[in-house]
Amino acid sequence: LYNGMSGAGFRMPANEWEEFERQLKNLDQFEQIYPDDFLHLKNLGMIVESQLDEVALIKHLNKIALYDNRDYEIMINPTLECCFKCWYCFEAHPQGHMSTEIVNAIKEHIRHKIKNDKITRLHISWFGGEPLLYYDQVVRPISVFAKQFTEKNQVLFTNSITTNGYLINANMIRD
């Protein structure tokens, strides 16, 4: 037996199935004769109250899953600069990086998303140019803030980086 609502299931020998199915046709009697089994099946979601519309519940849960997604993903470009001059690259790579004011504004944005929008997961995707050019000025401060603030507020935090890997060092790996 498997319950798609609760995800619970158990196995039963085929030769016991007919008797079990017959017993379930009269739930009041089944509860009287097998109170522990009845309670166990109820806890697994195999026996439900007759007024529960499981189809309506499934539709409702589906709507929540589709429209109440509180995951939040943000892509941050600390700079458009790059440490390579690849012959095939068409980017201009202008000089400059994200200012301290913008770093602080991003931290405030993260704080707002967690506190006001009640997100349940935050993912930061680092991109550029080469984001590790400004690791100490941009990537690390925002990541450390995000990690600490998400932990404090019980929000899942992940991040990823698109990098050529040339600047990765022991401190970054430790961080």
C-alpha atoms as a PDB file:
ATOM      1  CA  LEU A   1       0.000   0.000   0.000  1.00  0.00           C
ATOM      2  CA  TYR A   2       1.191   3.501  -0.814  1.00  0.00           C
ATOM      3  CA  ASN A   3      -0.323   6.860   0.023  1.00  0.00           C
ATOM      4  CA  GLY A   4       0.582   9.551  -2.486  1.00  0.00           C
ATOM      5  CA  MET A   5      -0.480  12.350  -0.135  1.00  0.00           C
ATOM      6  CA  SER A   6       1.678  11.402   2.829  1.00  0.00           C
ATOM      7  CA  GLY A   7       4.336   9.422   0.973  1.00  0.00           C
ATOM      8  CA  ALA A   8       3.839   6.595   3.456  1.00  0.00           C
ATOM      9  CA  GLY A   9       3.727   2.996   2.420  1.00  0.00           C
ATOM     10  CA  PHE A  10       4.099  -0.559   3.602  1.00  0.00           C
ATOM     11  CA  ARG A  11       4.108  -4.055   2.196  1.00  0.00           C
ATOM     12  CA  MET A  12       1.643  -6.813   2.880  1.00  0.00           C
ATOM     13  CA  PRO A  13       1.696 -10.431   1.754  1.00  0.00           C
ATOM     14  CA  ALA A  14      -0.706 -11.016  -1.129  1.00  0.00           C
ATOM     15  CA  ASN A  15      -2.519 -13.790   0.736  1.00  0.00           C
ATOM     16  CA  GLU A  16      -3.493 -11.289   3.509  1.00  0.00           C
ATOM     17  CA  TRP A  17      -4.701  -8.564   1.152  1.00  0.00           C
ATOM     18  CA  GLU A  18      -8.269  -9.848   0.592  1.00  0.00           C
ATOM     19  CA  GLU A  19      -8.952 -10.128   4.326  1.00  0.00           C
ATOM     20  CA  PHE A  20      -7.415  -6.735   4.973  1.00  0.00           C
ATOM     21  CA  GLU A  21      -9.519  -5.147   2.218  1.00  0.00           C
ATOM     22  CA  ARG A  22     -12.661  -6.812   3.592  1.00  0.00           C
ATOM     23  CA  GLN A  23     -11.911  -5.482   7.093  1.00  0.00           C
ATOM     24  CA  LEU A  24     -11.500  -1.937   5.773  1.00  0.00           C
ATOM     25  CA  LYS A  25     -15.008  -1.927   4.291  1.00  0.00           C
ATOM     26  CA  ASN A  26     -16.350  -1.417   7.807  1.00  0.00           C
ATOM     27  CA  LEU A  27     -14.011   1.080   9.452  1.00  0.00           C
ATOM     28  CA  ASP A  28     -15.972   1.294  12.711  1.00  0.00           C
ATOM     29  CA  GLN A  29     -15.623  -2.449  13.201  1.00  0.00           C
ATOM     30  CA  PHE A  30     -11.964  -2.372  12.078  1.00  0.00           C
ATOM     31  CA  GLU A  31     -11.245   0.319  14.685  1.00  0.00           C
ATOM     32  CA  GLN A  32     -12.912  -1.781  17.406  1.00  0.00           C
ATOM     33  CA  ILE A  33     -11.090  -5.017  16.555  1.00  0.00           C
ATOM     34  CA  TYR A  34      -7.695  -3.542  15.580  1.00  0.00           C
ATOM     35  CA  PRO A  35      -7.362  -0.195  17.383  1.00  0.00           C
ATOM     36  CA  ASP A  36      -3.548  -0.038  17.078  1.00  0.00           C
ATOM     37  CA  ASP A  37      -3.615  -0.881  13.364  1.00  0.00           C
ATOM     38  CA  PHE A  38      -6.423   1.625  12.801  1.00  0.00           C
ATOM     39  CA  LEU A  39      -4.443   4.393  14.523  1.00  0.00           C
ATOM     40  CA  HIS A  40      -1.305   3.454  12.597  1.00  0.00           C
ATOM     41  CA  LEU A  41      -3.152   3.615   9.253  1.00  0.00           C
ATOM     42  CA  LYS A  42      -4.692   6.946  10.261  1.00  0.00           C
ATOM     43  CA  ASN A  43      -1.264   8.358  11.167  1.00  0.00           C
ATOM     44  CA  LEU A  44       0.064   7.229   7.779  1.00  0.00           C
ATOM     45  CA  GLY A  45      -2.788   9.045   6.040  1.00  0.00           C
ATOM     46  CA  MET A  46      -4.260   5.767   4.769  1.00  0.00           C
ATOM     47  CA  ILE A  47      -7.491   6.351   6.674  1.00  0.00           C
ATOM     48  CA  VAL A  48      -8.899   9.891   6.573  1.00  0.00           C
ATOM     49  CA  GLU A  49     -12.028  11.614   7.780  1.00  0.00           C
ATOM     50  CA  SER A  50     -14.878  11.194   5.284  1.00  0.00           C
ATOM     51  CA  GLN A  51     -15.365  14.957   4.928  1.00  0.00           C
ATOM     52  CA  LEU A  52     -11.744  15.421   3.732  1.00  0.00           C
ATOM     53  CA  ASP A  53     -11.693  16.055  -0.015  1.00  0.00           C
ATOM     54  CA  GLU A  54      -8.250  14.722  -0.899  1.00  0.00           C
ATOM     55  CA  VAL A  55      -8.540  15.744  -4.558  1.00  0.00           C
ATOM     56  CA  ALA A  56      -9.275  19.349  -3.528  1.00  0.00           C
ATOM     57  CA  LEU A  57      -6.380  19.191  -1.076  1.00  0.00           C
ATOM     58  CA  ILE A  58      -4.004  17.976  -3.798  1.00  0.00           C
ATOM     59  CA  LYS A  59      -5.141  20.813  -6.076  1.00  0.00           C
ATOM     60  CA  HIS A  60      -4.626  23.320  -3.265  1.00  0.00           C
ATOM     61  CA  LEU A  61      -1.136  22.017  -2.439  1.00  0.00           C
ATOM     62  CA  ASN A  62      -0.273  22.117  -6.135  1.00  0.00           C
ATOM     63  CA  LYS A  63      -1.283  25.794  -6.323  1.00  0.00           C
ATOM     64  CA  ILE A  64       0.852  26.565  -3.288  1.00  0.00           C
ATOM     65  CA  ALA A  65       3.829  24.804  -4.851  1.00  0.00           C
ATOM     66  CA  LEU A  66       3.372  26.710  -8.112  1.00  0.00           C
ATOM     67  CA  TYR A  67       2.529  30.170  -6.855  1.00  0.00           C
ATOM     68  CA  ASP A  68       3.892  30.440  -3.335  1.00  0.00           C
ATOM     69  CA  ASN A  69       7.515  29.745  -4.134  1.00  0.00           C
ATOM     70  CA  ARG A  70       9.615  31.726  -1.698  1.00  0.00           C
ATOM     71  CA  ASP A  71      12.995  30.819  -3.178  1.00  0.00           C
ATOM     72  CA  TYR A  72      14.975  33.878  -4.200  1.00  0.00           C
ATOM     73  CA  GLU A  73      17.868  33.945  -6.624  1.00  0.00           C
ATOM     74  CA  ILE A  74      20.034  36.954  -7.351  1.00  0.00           C
ATOM     75  CA  MET A  75      22.878  37.277  -9.847  1.00  0.00           C
ATOM     76  CA  ILE A  76      25.600  39.733  -8.856  1.00  0.00           C
ATOM     77  CA  ASN A  77      28.293  41.085 -11.177  1.00  0.00           C
ATOM     78  CA  PRO A  78      31.010  42.647  -8.982  1.00  0.00           C
ATOM     79  CA  THR A  79      32.865  43.787 -12.106  1.00  0.00           C
ATOM     80  CA  LEU A  80      33.012  43.404 -15.847  1.00  0.00           C
ATOM     81  CA  GLU A  81      36.826  43.321 -15.727  1.00  0.00           C
ATOM     82  CA  CYS A  82      38.672  40.113 -16.534  1.00  0.00           C
ATOM     83  CA  CYS A  83      42.153  38.832 -15.763  1.00  0.00           C
ATOM     84  CA  PHE A  84      42.528  37.133 -19.166  1.00  0.00           C
ATOM     85  CA  LYS A  85      42.536  38.506 -22.655  1.00  0.00           C
ATOM     86  CA  CYS A  86      41.113  35.512 -24.480  1.00  0.00           C
ATOM     87  CA  TRP A  87      41.293  35.913 -28.246  1.00  0.00           C
ATOM     88  CA  TYR A  88      37.699  34.726 -28.722  1.00  0.00           C
ATOM     89  CA  CYS A  89      36.093  36.985 -26.108  1.00  0.00           C
ATOM     90  CA  PHE A  90      33.886  39.724 -27.513  1.00  0.00           C
ATOM     91  CA  GLU A  91      33.423  41.618 -24.211  1.00  0.00           C
ATOM     92  CA  ALA A  92      34.965  45.077 -23.755  1.00  0.00           C
ATOM     93  CA  HIS A  93      35.712  44.491 -20.028  1.00  0.00           C
ATOM     94  CA  PRO A  94      35.477  48.094 -18.801  1.00  0.00           C
ATOM     95  CA  GLN A  95      37.480  48.874 -15.660  1.00  0.00           C
ATOM     96  CA  GLY A  96      35.772  49.322 -12.316  1.00  0.00           C
ATOM     97  CA  HIS A  97      33.918  47.383  -9.699  1.00  0.00           C
ATOM     98  CA  MET A  98      30.925  47.606  -7.440  1.00  0.00           C
ATOM     99  CA  SER A  99      31.156  50.409  -4.876  1.00  0.00           C
ATOM    100  CA  THR A 100      30.878  50.019  -1.094  1.00  0.00           C
ATOM    101  CA  GLU A 101      27.495  51.780  -1.286  1.00  0.00           C
ATOM    102  CA  ILE A 102      26.203  49.177  -3.738  1.00  0.00           C
ATOM    103  CA  VAL A 103      27.610  46.345  -1.594  1.00  0.00           C
ATOM    104  CA  ASN A 104      25.725  47.779   1.405  1.00  0.00           C
ATOM    105  CA  ALA A 105      22.569  48.220  -0.683  1.00  0.00           C
ATOM    106  CA  ILE A 106      22.730  44.561  -1.718  1.00  0.00           C
ATOM    107  CA  LYS A 107      23.090  43.530   1.937  1.00  0.00           C
ATOM    108  CA  GLU A 108      20.047  45.653   2.765  1.00  0.00           C
ATOM    109  CA  HIS A 109      18.168  44.090  -0.152  1.00  0.00           C
ATOM    110  CA  ILE A 110      18.954  40.605   1.205  1.00  0.00           C
ATOM    111  CA  ARG A 111      17.840  41.671   4.681  1.00  0.00           C
ATOM    112  CA  HIS A 112      14.578  43.018   3.223  1.00  0.00           C
ATOM    113  CA  LYS A 113      13.875  39.846   1.202  1.00  0.00           C
ATOM    114  CA  ILE A 114      14.345  37.687   4.299  1.00  0.00           C
ATOM    115  CA  LYS A 115      12.511  39.872   6.811  1.00  0.00           C
ATOM    116  CA  ASN A 116       9.703  41.338   4.693  1.00  0.00           C
ATOM    117  CA  ASP A 117       9.182  38.866   1.861  1.00  0.00           C
ATOM    118  CA  LYS A 118       9.821  35.847   4.114  1.00  0.00           C
ATOM    119  CA  ILE A 119      11.924  33.977   1.556  1.00  0.00           C
ATOM    120  CA  THR A 120      12.869  30.432   2.528  1.00  0.00           C
ATOM    121  CA  ARG A 121      15.943  30.048   0.302  1.00  0.00           C
ATOM    122  CA  LEU A 122      18.517  32.515  -0.980  1.00  0.00           C
ATOM    123  CA  HIS A 123      20.864  31.706  -3.840  1.00  0.00           C
ATOM    124  CA  ILE A 124      23.533  34.153  -4.985  1.00  0.00           C
ATOM    125  CA  SER A 125      25.076  33.562  -8.381  1.00  0.00           C
ATOM    126  CA  TRP A 126      28.361  35.432  -8.880  1.00  0.00           C
ATOM    127  CA  PHE A 127      29.110  36.447 -12.445  1.00  0.00           C
ATOM    128  CA  GLY A 128      31.125  39.016 -14.352  1.00  0.00           C
ATOM    129  CA  GLY A 129      33.826  39.604 -15.942  1.00  0.00           C
ATOM    130  CA  GLU A 130      35.851  37.777 -13.355  1.00  0.00           C
ATOM    131  CA  PRO A 131      34.084  38.104  -9.984  1.00  0.00           C
ATOM    132  CA  LEU A 132      37.141  36.953  -8.029  1.00  0.00           C
ATOM    133  CA  LEU A 133      39.060  40.098  -9.040  1.00  0.00           C
ATOM    134  CA  TYR A 134      37.127  41.827  -6.252  1.00  0.00           C
ATOM    135  CA  TYR A 135      36.723  38.911  -3.889  1.00  0.00           C
ATOM    136  CA  ASP A 136      37.760  40.825  -0.741  1.00  0.00           C
ATOM    137  CA  GLN A 137      35.829  43.984  -1.630  1.00  0.00           C
ATOM    138  CA  VAL A 138      32.577  42.480  -2.918  1.00  0.00           C
ATOM    139  CA  VAL A 139      32.177  38.691  -3.026  1.00  0.00           C
ATOM    140  CA  ARG A 140      33.352  37.842   0.486  1.00  0.00           C
ATOM    141  CA  PRO A 141      31.558  40.666   2.387  1.00  0.00           C
ATOM    142  CA  ILE A 142      28.210  39.970   0.740  1.00  0.00           C
ATOM    143  CA  SER A 143      28.589  36.190   1.055  1.00  0.00           C
ATOM    144  CA  VAL A 144      29.581  36.378   4.735  1.00  0.00           C
ATOM    145  CA  PHE A 145      26.668  38.706   5.478  1.00  0.00           C
ATOM    146  CA  ALA A 146      24.231  36.488   3.560  1.00  0.00           C
ATOM    147  CA  LYS A 147      25.448  33.333   5.296  1.00  0.00           C
ATOM    148  CA  GLN A 148      25.206  34.832   8.782  1.00  0.00           C
ATOM    149  CA  PHE A 149      21.851  36.513   8.194  1.00  0.00           C
ATOM    150  CA  THR A 150      20.270  33.449   6.593  1.00  0.00           C
ATOM    151  CA  GLU A 151      21.483  31.184   9.405  1.00  0.00           C
ATOM    152  CA  LYS A 152      20.098  33.603  12.004  1.00  0.00           C
ATOM    153  CA  ASN A 153      16.729  33.588  10.220  1.00  0.00           C
ATOM    154  CA  GLN A 154      16.664  29.878   9.332  1.00  0.00           C
ATOM    155  CA  VAL A 155      16.808  30.455   5.579  1.00  0.00           C
ATOM    156  CA  LEU A 156      18.726  28.086   3.325  1.00  0.00           C
ATOM    157  CA  PHE A 157      21.695  29.812   1.650  1.00  0.00           C
ATOM    158  CA  THR A 158      23.625  28.630  -1.375  1.00  0.00           C
ATOM    159  CA  ASN A 159      25.811  30.402  -3.865  1.00  0.00           C
ATOM    160  CA  SER A 160      27.689  29.649  -7.041  1.00  0.00           C
ATOM    161  CA  ILE A 161      30.301  31.412  -9.093  1.00  0.00           C
ATOM    162  CA  THR A 162      31.135  31.573 -12.776  1.00  0.00           C
ATOM    163  CA  THR A 163      34.904  31.985 -12.844  1.00  0.00           C
ATOM    164  CA  ASN A 164      37.908  31.046 -14.923  1.00  0.00           C
ATOM    165  CA  GLY A 165      39.422  29.841 -11.625  1.00  0.00           C
ATOM    166  CA  TYR A 166      42.771  31.552 -12.114  1.00  0.00           C
ATOM    167  CA  LEU A 167      42.535  33.676  -8.949  1.00  0.00           C
ATOM    168  CA  ILE A 168      41.331  30.970  -6.557  1.00  0.00           C
ATOM    169  CA  ASN A 169      43.704  30.729  -3.594  1.00  0.00           C
ATOM    170  CA  ALA A 170      43.911  28.923  -0.245  1.00  0.00           C
ATOM    171  CA  ASN A 171      42.104  31.714   1.647  1.00  0.00           C
ATOM    172  CA  MET A 172      39.156  31.613  -0.755  1.00  0.00           C
ATOM    173  CA  ILE A 173      38.946  27.865  -0.450  1.00  0.00           C
ATOM    174  CA  ARG A 174      38.985  28.126   3.353  1.00  0.00           C
ATOM    175  CA  ASP A 175      36.325  30.857   3.231  1.00  0.00           C
END
